[in-house]
Amino acid sequence: MGGVRHLELTEGNKEKLSQHGALSEEKARLSHVVRDAIQLVRSIGERLLWVDSLCIVQDNAQTKHTQISNMDLIYSHAICTIVNVAGTNADSPLSGVQPGSRPAMVDLKVRFKDKILIVQPPDLCHILAGSVYETRGWTFQERILSPRCIYFTPW
């Protein structure tokens, strides 16, 4: 498609990427969502972040299959799982992490005759129902096994 090729773990770079500070040197090649996730993890005082494309070798089918089959352990031992509901691809930011990346939340109150109508954003289940996230195969496992999920929505 001609887009930017984001950094991913391969047999050829796994030794280099396992070195301290390697991602700082490659920051320009990290996807938008990964850069936002790094910022989020730092802001909540954590040091570790699992990113499938950076933690699972992408160019060795046998190794990749073995690592993917262990994802239940990753999800169940995670502090939390970051879910980009608003995202359609790796270049979609985590809404609200960067200033101005999400509209301000406002409950709209309207007086109509003797009643007050309050317009609120949709519930999470309605937002999830129409999202690309819900079309992906691993989301059920993610939801069931993760002790908690942080959902980033356009609202």
N, C-alpha and C. Protein backbone atom coordinates (compact mmCIF):
# COMPACT_ATOMS: atom_id res chain seq x y z
N MET A 1 0.81 -1.20 0.00
CA MET A 1 0.00 0.00 0.00
C MET A 1 0.85 1.27 0.00
N GLY A 2 2.13 1.14 0.20
CA GLY A 2 2.98 2.31 0.14
C GLY A 2 3.07 3.11 1.42
N GLY A 3 2.45 2.62 2.50
CA GLY A 3 2.48 3.34 3.77
C GLY A 3 3.81 3.17 4.48
N VAL A 4 3.92 3.81 5.61
CA VAL A 4 5.13 3.70 6.42
C VAL A 4 5.21 2.29 6.99
N ARG A 5 6.37 1.70 6.92
CA ARG A 5 6.59 0.37 7.49
C ARG A 5 7.01 0.58 8.94
N HIS A 6 6.14 0.18 9.84
CA HIS A 6 6.42 0.36 11.26
C HIS A 6 7.38 -0.70 11.77
N LEU A 7 8.08 -0.33 12.81
CA LEU A 7 9.04 -1.23 13.44
C LEU A 7 8.33 -2.47 13.96
N GLU A 8 8.90 -3.63 13.70
CA GLU A 8 8.40 -4.88 14.25
C GLU A 8 9.59 -5.79 14.55
N LEU A 9 9.36 -6.73 15.44
CA LEU A 9 10.41 -7.66 15.85
C LEU A 9 10.61 -8.72 14.78
N THR A 10 11.85 -8.90 14.36
CA THR A 10 12.19 -9.93 13.38
C THR A 10 13.40 -10.71 13.88
N GLU A 11 13.67 -11.82 13.22
CA GLU A 11 14.87 -12.59 13.57
C GLU A 11 16.12 -11.72 13.41
N GLY A 12 16.10 -10.84 12.42
CA GLY A 12 17.26 -10.01 12.14
C GLY A 12 17.52 -8.88 13.12
N ASN A 13 16.47 -8.41 13.82
CA ASN A 13 16.68 -7.27 14.72
C ASN A 13 16.41 -7.58 16.19
N LYS A 14 16.07 -8.83 16.51
CA LYS A 14 15.67 -9.11 17.90
C LYS A 14 16.79 -8.87 18.90
N GLU A 15 18.02 -9.14 18.51
CA GLU A 15 19.13 -8.88 19.44
C GLU A 15 19.28 -7.37 19.68
N LYS A 16 19.22 -6.60 18.62
CA LYS A 16 19.35 -5.14 18.74
C LYS A 16 18.19 -4.56 19.56
N LEU A 17 16.96 -5.02 19.28
CA LEU A 17 15.81 -4.47 19.98
C LEU A 17 15.74 -4.89 21.45
N SER A 18 16.47 -5.92 21.82
CA SER A 18 16.47 -6.34 23.22
C SER A 18 17.43 -5.51 24.07
N GLN A 19 18.19 -4.63 23.44
CA GLN A 19 19.13 -3.77 24.16
C GLN A 19 18.39 -2.59 24.81
N HIS A 20 18.87 -2.19 25.97
CA HIS A 20 18.30 -1.04 26.68
C HIS A 20 18.35 0.21 25.79
N GLY A 21 17.23 0.89 25.67
CA GLY A 21 17.18 2.14 24.90
C GLY A 21 16.97 1.96 23.41
N ALA A 22 16.82 0.73 22.94
CA ALA A 22 16.69 0.49 21.50
C ALA A 22 15.47 1.18 20.90
N LEU A 23 14.37 1.22 21.62
CA LEU A 23 13.16 1.85 21.06
C LEU A 23 13.31 3.36 20.97
N SER A 24 14.09 3.95 21.85
CA SER A 24 14.33 5.40 21.76
C SER A 24 15.00 5.75 20.44
N GLU A 25 15.93 4.91 20.01
CA GLU A 25 16.62 5.14 18.75
C GLU A 25 15.70 4.94 17.55
N GLU A 26 14.67 4.12 17.71
CA GLU A 26 13.77 3.77 16.61
C GLU A 26 12.41 4.47 16.73
N LYS A 27 12.30 5.49 17.57
CA LYS A 27 11.01 6.12 17.86
C LYS A 27 10.25 6.54 16.60
N ALA A 28 10.96 7.05 15.61
CA ALA A 28 10.30 7.51 14.38
C ALA A 28 9.61 6.37 13.64
N ARG A 29 10.06 5.14 13.85
CA ARG A 29 9.46 3.99 13.16
C ARG A 29 8.36 3.31 13.97
N LEU A 30 8.11 3.81 15.18
CA LEU A 30 7.02 3.25 16.00
C LEU A 30 5.70 3.80 15.50
N SER A 31 4.67 2.98 15.54
CA SER A 31 3.35 3.45 15.12
C SER A 31 2.82 4.47 16.13
N HIS A 32 1.84 5.24 15.69
CA HIS A 32 1.24 6.27 16.54
C HIS A 32 0.67 5.65 17.82
N VAL A 33 -0.03 4.55 17.67
CA VAL A 33 -0.66 3.92 18.84
C VAL A 33 0.40 3.42 19.82
N VAL A 34 1.53 2.93 19.34
CA VAL A 34 2.59 2.46 20.24
C VAL A 34 3.22 3.64 20.97
N ARG A 35 3.47 4.74 20.26
CA ARG A 35 4.03 5.92 20.93
C ARG A 35 3.07 6.42 22.02
N ASP A 36 1.77 6.45 21.73
CA ASP A 36 0.79 6.86 22.74
C ASP A 36 0.75 5.88 23.90
N ALA A 37 0.82 4.59 23.61
CA ALA A 37 0.80 3.58 24.68
C ALA A 37 2.02 3.72 25.59
N ILE A 38 3.17 4.01 25.01
CA ILE A 38 4.37 4.23 25.82
C ILE A 38 4.16 5.42 26.75
N GLN A 39 3.60 6.49 26.23
CA GLN A 39 3.34 7.67 27.06
C GLN A 39 2.34 7.34 28.16
N LEU A 40 1.29 6.60 27.84
CA LEU A 40 0.29 6.21 28.83
C LEU A 40 0.91 5.36 29.93
N VAL A 41 1.68 4.36 29.55
CA VAL A 41 2.31 3.47 30.54
C VAL A 41 3.21 4.26 31.48
N ARG A 42 3.99 5.17 30.94
CA ARG A 42 4.84 6.01 31.79
C ARG A 42 4.00 6.88 32.72
N SER A 43 2.89 7.40 32.21
CA SER A 43 2.07 8.32 33.02
C SER A 43 1.38 7.62 34.19
N ILE A 44 1.17 6.31 34.09
CA ILE A 44 0.56 5.58 35.22
C ILE A 44 1.62 4.92 36.10
N GLY A 45 2.88 5.24 35.84
CA GLY A 45 3.96 4.77 36.70
C GLY A 45 4.43 3.36 36.44
N GLU A 46 4.10 2.82 35.29
CA GLU A 46 4.56 1.48 34.95
C GLU A 46 5.77 1.57 34.03
N ARG A 47 6.51 0.46 33.92
CA ARG A 47 7.73 0.45 33.11
C ARG A 47 7.64 -0.48 31.92
N LEU A 48 6.75 -1.45 31.97
CA LEU A 48 6.70 -2.48 30.94
C LEU A 48 5.45 -2.36 30.09
N LEU A 49 5.63 -2.62 28.80
CA LEU A 49 4.52 -2.57 27.84
C LEU A 49 4.71 -3.73 26.87
N TRP A 50 3.65 -4.52 26.70
CA TRP A 50 3.68 -5.59 25.71
C TRP A 50 3.02 -5.07 24.44
N VAL A 51 3.73 -5.13 23.34
CA VAL A 51 3.19 -4.79 22.03
C VAL A 51 3.45 -6.01 21.15
N ASP A 52 2.37 -6.63 20.67
CA ASP A 52 2.52 -7.88 19.92
C ASP A 52 3.58 -7.79 18.83
N SER A 53 3.52 -6.75 18.02
CA SER A 53 4.45 -6.64 16.88
C SER A 53 5.90 -6.41 17.31
N LEU A 54 6.11 -6.00 18.55
CA LEU A 54 7.47 -5.78 19.06
C LEU A 54 7.94 -6.88 20.02
N CYS A 55 7.02 -7.75 20.41
CA CYS A 55 7.36 -8.81 21.37
C CYS A 55 7.23 -10.21 20.77
N ILE A 56 6.55 -10.33 19.64
CA ILE A 56 6.41 -11.60 18.95
C ILE A 56 7.17 -11.49 17.63
N VAL A 57 8.09 -12.43 17.40
CA VAL A 57 8.87 -12.43 16.16
C VAL A 57 7.91 -12.56 14.98
N GLN A 58 7.98 -11.61 14.05
CA GLN A 58 7.01 -11.52 12.97
C GLN A 58 7.40 -12.28 11.70
N ASP A 59 8.66 -12.64 11.54
CA ASP A 59 9.09 -13.25 10.27
C ASP A 59 9.49 -14.73 10.39
N ASN A 60 9.06 -15.39 11.45
CA ASN A 60 9.33 -16.81 11.63
C ASN A 60 8.01 -17.45 12.03
N ALA A 61 7.36 -18.12 11.08
CA ALA A 61 6.00 -18.63 11.28
C ALA A 61 5.91 -19.58 12.47
N GLN A 62 6.88 -20.46 12.63
CA GLN A 62 6.83 -21.43 13.73
C GLN A 62 6.96 -20.73 15.08
N THR A 63 7.93 -19.84 15.20
CA THR A 63 8.12 -19.08 16.44
C THR A 63 6.89 -18.22 16.72
N LYS A 64 6.38 -17.57 15.70
CA LYS A 64 5.21 -16.71 15.85
C LYS A 64 4.02 -17.51 16.36
N HIS A 65 3.79 -18.68 15.79
CA HIS A 65 2.67 -19.53 16.22
C HIS A 65 2.83 -19.92 17.69
N THR A 66 4.03 -20.31 18.08
CA THR A 66 4.29 -20.70 19.47
C THR A 66 4.03 -19.53 20.42
N GLN A 67 4.53 -18.36 20.04
CA GLN A 67 4.35 -17.18 20.90
C GLN A 67 2.89 -16.76 20.98
N ILE A 68 2.18 -16.81 19.88
CA ILE A 68 0.76 -16.44 19.88
C ILE A 68 -0.04 -17.42 20.74
N SER A 69 0.34 -18.69 20.73
CA SER A 69 -0.40 -19.66 21.54
C SER A 69 -0.21 -19.44 23.04
N ASN A 70 0.75 -18.60 23.42
CA ASN A 70 0.97 -18.27 24.83
C ASN A 70 0.35 -16.93 25.24
N MET A 71 -0.44 -16.33 24.36
CA MET A 71 -1.02 -15.02 24.67
C MET A 71 -1.94 -15.06 25.89
N ASP A 72 -2.52 -16.21 26.20
CA ASP A 72 -3.35 -16.29 27.40
C ASP A 72 -2.55 -15.92 28.64
N LEU A 73 -1.28 -16.30 28.68
CA LEU A 73 -0.42 -15.95 29.82
C LEU A 73 -0.14 -14.45 29.86
N ILE A 74 0.05 -13.85 28.70
CA ILE A 74 0.31 -12.41 28.63
C ILE A 74 -0.91 -11.65 29.15
N TYR A 75 -2.09 -11.97 28.61
CA TYR A 75 -3.30 -11.26 29.03
C TYR A 75 -3.59 -11.47 30.52
N SER A 76 -3.49 -12.70 31.00
CA SER A 76 -3.88 -12.98 32.39
C SER A 76 -2.91 -12.41 33.41
N HIS A 77 -1.67 -12.13 33.01
CA HIS A 77 -0.70 -11.56 33.94
C HIS A 77 -0.48 -10.06 33.75
N ALA A 78 -1.21 -9.48 32.83
CA ALA A 78 -1.05 -8.04 32.58
C ALA A 78 -1.69 -7.22 33.70
N ILE A 79 -1.13 -6.07 33.98
CA ILE A 79 -1.76 -5.14 34.91
C ILE A 79 -3.05 -4.63 34.28
N CYS A 80 -2.97 -4.32 33.01
CA CYS A 80 -4.15 -3.90 32.25
C CYS A 80 -3.88 -4.11 30.77
N THR A 81 -4.94 -4.11 30.00
CA THR A 81 -4.83 -4.20 28.55
C THR A 81 -5.36 -2.90 27.96
N ILE A 82 -4.57 -2.30 27.09
CA ILE A 82 -4.96 -1.04 26.44
C ILE A 82 -5.71 -1.40 25.17
N VAL A 83 -6.93 -0.91 25.05
CA VAL A 83 -7.78 -1.21 23.91
C VAL A 83 -8.09 0.07 23.15
N ASN A 84 -7.68 0.14 21.91
CA ASN A 84 -7.92 1.32 21.08
C ASN A 84 -9.19 1.11 20.26
N VAL A 85 -10.33 1.32 20.89
CA VAL A 85 -11.61 1.12 20.23
C VAL A 85 -11.78 2.09 19.06
N ALA A 86 -11.27 3.29 19.21
CA ALA A 86 -11.42 4.31 18.17
C ALA A 86 -10.50 4.06 16.98
N GLY A 87 -9.54 3.17 17.13
CA GLY A 87 -8.55 2.96 16.08
C GLY A 87 -9.01 2.02 14.99
N THR A 88 -8.53 2.30 13.80
CA THR A 88 -8.79 1.42 12.67
C THR A 88 -7.51 0.76 12.18
N ASN A 89 -6.36 1.30 12.60
CA ASN A 89 -5.06 0.74 12.23
C ASN A 89 -4.01 1.25 13.21
N ALA A 90 -2.76 0.85 12.98
CA ALA A 90 -1.67 1.20 13.91
C ALA A 90 -1.36 2.69 13.95
N ASP A 91 -1.79 3.43 12.96
CA ASP A 91 -1.55 4.87 12.97
C ASP A 91 -2.66 5.65 13.65
N SER A 92 -3.67 4.96 14.15
CA SER A 92 -4.74 5.63 14.89
C SER A 92 -4.26 5.90 16.31
N PRO A 93 -4.33 7.15 16.75
CA PRO A 93 -3.86 7.47 18.10
C PRO A 93 -4.81 6.92 19.17
N LEU A 94 -4.33 6.87 20.40
CA LEU A 94 -5.21 6.57 21.54
C LEU A 94 -5.91 7.87 21.89
N SER A 95 -7.20 7.92 21.67
CA SER A 95 -7.96 9.16 21.90
C SER A 95 -7.80 9.65 23.32
N GLY A 96 -7.37 10.90 23.44
CA GLY A 96 -7.24 11.54 24.73
C GLY A 96 -5.85 11.50 25.34
N VAL A 97 -4.94 10.70 24.80
CA VAL A 97 -3.59 10.65 25.36
C VAL A 97 -2.84 11.93 25.02
N GLN A 98 -2.87 12.32 23.77
CA GLN A 98 -2.24 13.58 23.36
C GLN A 98 -3.26 14.71 23.49
N PRO A 99 -2.86 15.88 23.93
CA PRO A 99 -3.79 17.00 24.03
C PRO A 99 -4.47 17.27 22.68
N GLY A 100 -5.78 17.45 22.73
CA GLY A 100 -6.55 17.76 21.53
C GLY A 100 -6.88 16.56 20.66
N SER A 101 -6.57 15.35 21.12
CA SER A 101 -6.84 14.17 20.30
C SER A 101 -8.24 13.59 20.49
N ARG A 102 -9.03 14.24 21.34
CA ARG A 102 -10.42 13.81 21.53
C ARG A 102 -11.22 15.04 21.92
N PRO A 103 -12.44 15.17 21.40
CA PRO A 103 -13.26 16.31 21.81
C PRO A 103 -13.58 16.25 23.30
N ALA A 104 -13.74 17.40 23.90
CA ALA A 104 -14.08 17.47 25.32
C ALA A 104 -15.42 16.80 25.58
N MET A 105 -15.50 16.08 26.69
CA MET A 105 -16.76 15.43 27.07
C MET A 105 -17.70 16.46 27.68
N VAL A 106 -18.89 16.51 27.15
CA VAL A 106 -19.87 17.46 27.65
C VAL A 106 -21.21 16.76 27.72
N ASP A 107 -21.84 16.83 28.88
CA ASP A 107 -23.23 16.38 28.98
C ASP A 107 -24.08 17.57 28.59
N LEU A 108 -24.87 17.40 27.58
CA LEU A 108 -25.71 18.49 27.09
C LEU A 108 -27.07 18.42 27.77
N LYS A 109 -27.43 19.48 28.47
CA LYS A 109 -28.73 19.54 29.14
C LYS A 109 -29.59 20.54 28.39
N VAL A 110 -30.77 20.09 28.02
CA VAL A 110 -31.70 20.94 27.28
C VAL A 110 -33.03 20.94 28.02
N ARG A 111 -33.54 22.14 28.28
CA ARG A 111 -34.86 22.25 28.91
C ARG A 111 -35.90 22.19 27.80
N PHE A 112 -36.85 21.29 27.95
CA PHE A 112 -37.93 21.12 26.98
C PHE A 112 -39.24 21.10 27.75
N LYS A 113 -39.96 22.20 27.64
CA LYS A 113 -41.19 22.41 28.41
C LYS A 113 -40.85 22.25 29.89
N ASP A 114 -41.45 21.30 30.57
CA ASP A 114 -41.20 21.15 32.01
C ASP A 114 -40.19 20.03 32.31
N LYS A 115 -39.47 19.57 31.31
CA LYS A 115 -38.52 18.48 31.50
C LYS A 115 -37.12 18.94 31.10
N ILE A 116 -36.13 18.27 31.67
CA ILE A 116 -34.74 18.51 31.28
C ILE A 116 -34.24 17.24 30.59
N LEU A 117 -33.80 17.40 29.36
CA LEU A 117 -33.25 16.28 28.59
C LEU A 117 -31.73 16.33 28.68
N ILE A 118 -31.12 15.20 28.94
CA ILE A 118 -29.67 15.13 29.04
C ILE A 118 -29.16 14.21 27.93
N VAL A 119 -28.29 14.75 27.09
CA VAL A 119 -27.69 13.98 26.02
C VAL A 119 -26.30 13.56 26.48
N GLN A 120 -26.06 12.26 26.49
CA GLN A 120 -24.78 11.73 26.93
C GLN A 120 -24.16 10.89 25.82
N PRO A 121 -22.85 10.68 25.90
CA PRO A 121 -22.21 9.79 24.92
C PRO A 121 -22.78 8.39 25.04
N PRO A 122 -22.66 7.58 24.00
CA PRO A 122 -23.19 6.21 24.06
C PRO A 122 -22.43 5.35 25.07
N ASP A 123 -23.09 4.30 25.53
CA ASP A 123 -22.45 3.34 26.43
C ASP A 123 -21.34 2.59 25.69
N LEU A 124 -20.39 2.07 26.46
CA LEU A 124 -19.27 1.35 25.88
C LEU A 124 -19.73 0.20 24.99
N CYS A 125 -20.75 -0.54 25.41
CA CYS A 125 -21.19 -1.69 24.61
C CYS A 125 -21.66 -1.25 23.22
N HIS A 126 -22.27 -0.07 23.13
CA HIS A 126 -22.71 0.44 21.82
C HIS A 126 -21.52 0.91 20.98
N ILE A 127 -20.54 1.51 21.63
CA ILE A 127 -19.34 1.95 20.92
C ILE A 127 -18.58 0.72 20.40
N LEU A 128 -18.44 -0.30 21.23
CA LEU A 128 -17.74 -1.51 20.82
C LEU A 128 -18.43 -2.20 19.65
N ALA A 129 -19.75 -2.23 19.68
CA ALA A 129 -20.52 -2.95 18.66
C ALA A 129 -20.22 -2.48 17.25
N GLY A 130 -19.92 -1.21 17.07
CA GLY A 130 -19.66 -0.71 15.73
C GLY A 130 -18.20 -0.50 15.41
N SER A 131 -17.31 -1.08 16.20
CA SER A 131 -15.88 -0.79 16.05
C SER A 131 -15.14 -1.87 15.26
N VAL A 132 -14.02 -1.48 14.68
CA VAL A 132 -13.12 -2.43 14.01
C VAL A 132 -12.59 -3.42 15.05
N TYR A 133 -12.37 -2.95 16.26
CA TYR A 133 -11.87 -3.79 17.35
C TYR A 133 -12.72 -5.06 17.50
N GLU A 134 -14.02 -4.92 17.41
CA GLU A 134 -14.91 -6.06 17.60
C GLU A 134 -14.82 -7.08 16.47
N THR A 135 -14.22 -6.73 15.36
CA THR A 135 -14.10 -7.67 14.24
C THR A 135 -12.84 -8.52 14.33
N ARG A 136 -11.99 -8.24 15.29
CA ARG A 136 -10.71 -8.95 15.40
C ARG A 136 -10.84 -10.19 16.27
N GLY A 137 -10.12 -11.23 15.92
CA GLY A 137 -10.27 -12.53 16.55
C GLY A 137 -9.84 -12.63 17.99
N TRP A 138 -8.86 -11.87 18.40
CA TRP A 138 -8.29 -12.05 19.74
C TRP A 138 -9.05 -11.27 20.82
N THR A 139 -10.04 -10.47 20.45
CA THR A 139 -10.67 -9.58 21.43
C THR A 139 -11.41 -10.33 22.53
N PHE A 140 -12.00 -11.47 22.20
CA PHE A 140 -12.70 -12.25 23.22
C PHE A 140 -11.71 -12.72 24.29
N GLN A 141 -10.59 -13.27 23.85
CA GLN A 141 -9.56 -13.74 24.78
C GLN A 141 -9.03 -12.58 25.62
N GLU A 142 -8.82 -11.45 24.98
CA GLU A 142 -8.33 -10.25 25.66
C GLU A 142 -9.28 -9.84 26.78
N ARG A 143 -10.57 -9.79 26.46
CA ARG A 143 -11.58 -9.36 27.43
C ARG A 143 -11.75 -10.34 28.58
N ILE A 144 -11.75 -11.62 28.27
CA ILE A 144 -11.97 -12.64 29.29
C ILE A 144 -10.77 -12.79 30.23
N LEU A 145 -9.56 -12.75 29.68
CA LEU A 145 -8.37 -13.06 30.47
C LEU A 145 -7.70 -11.87 31.12
N SER A 146 -7.87 -10.68 30.58
CA SER A 146 -7.22 -9.50 31.16
C SER A 146 -7.90 -9.12 32.47
N PRO A 147 -7.12 -8.85 33.51
CA PRO A 147 -7.74 -8.46 34.78
C PRO A 147 -8.48 -7.13 34.67
N ARG A 148 -8.05 -6.27 33.76
CA ARG A 148 -8.75 -5.01 33.51
C ARG A 148 -8.35 -4.50 32.14
N CYS A 149 -9.26 -3.80 31.50
CA CYS A 149 -9.00 -3.20 30.19
C CYS A 149 -9.25 -1.70 30.30
N ILE A 150 -8.41 -0.93 29.63
CA ILE A 150 -8.63 0.51 29.50
C ILE A 150 -9.05 0.74 28.06
N TYR A 151 -10.29 1.18 27.88
CA TYR A 151 -10.84 1.38 26.54
C TYR A 151 -10.69 2.84 26.13
N PHE A 152 -10.07 3.07 24.99
CA PHE A 152 -9.95 4.41 24.42
C PHE A 152 -10.96 4.52 23.30
N THR A 153 -11.92 5.41 23.50
CA THR A 153 -13.01 5.58 22.54
C THR A 153 -12.98 7.00 21.98
N PRO A 154 -13.72 7.25 20.92
CA PRO A 154 -13.74 8.61 20.38
C PRO A 154 -14.51 9.59 21.27
N TRP A 155 -15.16 9.08 22.31
CA TRP A 155 -15.97 9.96 23.18
C TRP A 155 -15.16 10.38 24.35
